[in-house]
């Protein structure tokens, strides 16, 4: 399952957020595809594969003490069946 998370550092927590991003714990069953810092908000985006929603939650929850995290299940456009 492919996930996309946006990460926005809480006020006064930017340096700590960057350190956490650089040294994040990646659980077995999670594979990082892209980890990108951004100029502007959000501060970072991570695209990752996880075997389950619970593994995805385990991975992103580590950032919750220093950042606002929003995670969505991602579907490759070629797999979308919204139109004929």
Protein backbone atom coordinates (compact mmCIF):
# COMPACT_ATOMS: atom_id res chain seq x y z
CA UNK A 1 0.00 0.00 0.00
CA UNK A 2 1.33 3.40 -0.98
CA UNK A 3 0.97 6.35 1.42
CA UNK A 4 1.78 10.07 1.27
CA UNK A 5 2.35 12.08 4.45
CA UNK A 6 2.77 15.81 4.79
CA UNK A 7 4.72 17.04 7.80
CA UNK A 8 4.43 20.57 9.20
CA UNK A 9 6.73 21.46 12.11
CA UNK A 10 5.00 22.91 15.17
CA UNK A 11 6.06 26.44 16.16
CA UNK A 12 9.50 26.36 17.78
CA UNK A 13 10.04 22.70 16.81
CA UNK A 14 11.54 23.04 13.32
CA UNK A 15 15.11 21.97 14.24
CA UNK A 16 13.82 19.01 16.25
CA UNK A 17 11.53 18.02 13.38
CA UNK A 18 14.42 18.07 10.90
CA UNK A 19 16.54 15.92 13.24
CA UNK A 20 13.67 13.47 13.63
CA UNK A 21 13.15 13.29 9.87
CA UNK A 22 16.85 12.62 9.26
CA UNK A 23 16.96 9.89 11.90
CA UNK A 24 13.47 8.42 11.65
CA UNK A 25 12.81 4.85 12.73
CA UNK A 26 11.55 2.79 9.80
CA UNK A 27 9.62 -0.30 10.91
CA UNK A 28 9.98 -3.63 9.12
CA UNK A 29 7.34 -3.65 6.40
CA UNK A 30 7.77 0.05 5.58
CA UNK A 31 9.83 1.21 2.60
CA UNK A 32 10.54 4.90 1.96
CA UNK A 33 10.11 5.87 -1.71
CA UNK A 34 10.76 9.63 -1.36
CA UNK A 35 11.54 11.83 1.63
CA UNK A 36 11.51 15.48 0.55
CA UNK A 37 12.05 18.74 2.40
CA UNK A 38 10.03 21.63 0.99
CA UNK A 39 10.51 25.40 0.86
CA UNK A 40 7.22 26.53 2.33
CA UNK A 41 4.44 24.66 4.04
CA UNK A 42 4.25 21.78 4.59
CA UNK A 43 7.89 21.39 5.63
CA UNK A 44 8.31 17.85 4.32
CA UNK A 45 6.58 15.13 2.31
CA UNK A 46 7.24 11.43 2.59
CA UNK A 47 6.01 8.83 0.10
CA UNK A 48 6.23 5.30 1.43
CA UNK A 49 5.00 1.74 1.05
CA UNK A 50 3.62 -0.08 4.07
CA UNK A 51 2.22 -3.59 4.31
CA UNK A 52 -0.72 -2.33 6.38
CA UNK A 53 -2.40 0.76 7.72
CA UNK A 54 -1.16 -0.09 11.22
CA UNK A 55 2.47 -0.09 10.03
CA UNK A 56 1.89 3.23 8.28
CA UNK A 57 0.46 4.65 11.51
CA UNK A 58 3.39 3.27 13.51
CA UNK A 59 5.83 5.01 11.17
CA UNK A 60 4.19 8.45 11.05
CA UNK A 61 3.20 8.59 14.72
CA UNK A 62 6.84 9.15 15.72
CA UNK A 63 6.61 12.68 14.31
CA UNK A 64 3.47 13.64 16.26
CA UNK A 65 5.29 15.23 19.19
CA UNK A 66 7.03 17.83 16.99
CA UNK A 67 4.87 18.19 13.88
CA UNK A 68 1.39 18.07 12.44
CA UNK A 69 1.21 15.01 10.20
CA UNK A 70 -1.43 14.24 7.60
CA UNK A 71 -1.36 10.87 5.84
CA UNK A 72 -3.38 9.59 2.89
CA UNK A 73 -3.54 6.33 0.99
CA UNK A 74 -2.18 6.97 -2.52
CA UNK A 75 -3.33 5.25 -5.69
CA UNK A 76 -1.33 5.45 -8.94
CA UNK A 77 -3.33 7.42 -11.51
CA UNK A 78 -3.19 4.57 -14.03
CA UNK A 79 -5.12 2.43 -11.52
CA UNK A 80 -7.94 4.94 -11.01
CA UNK A 81 -11.30 3.90 -12.35
CA UNK A 82 -13.10 7.24 -12.00
CA UNK A 83 -13.73 7.56 -15.73
CA UNK A 84 -14.17 5.18 -18.61
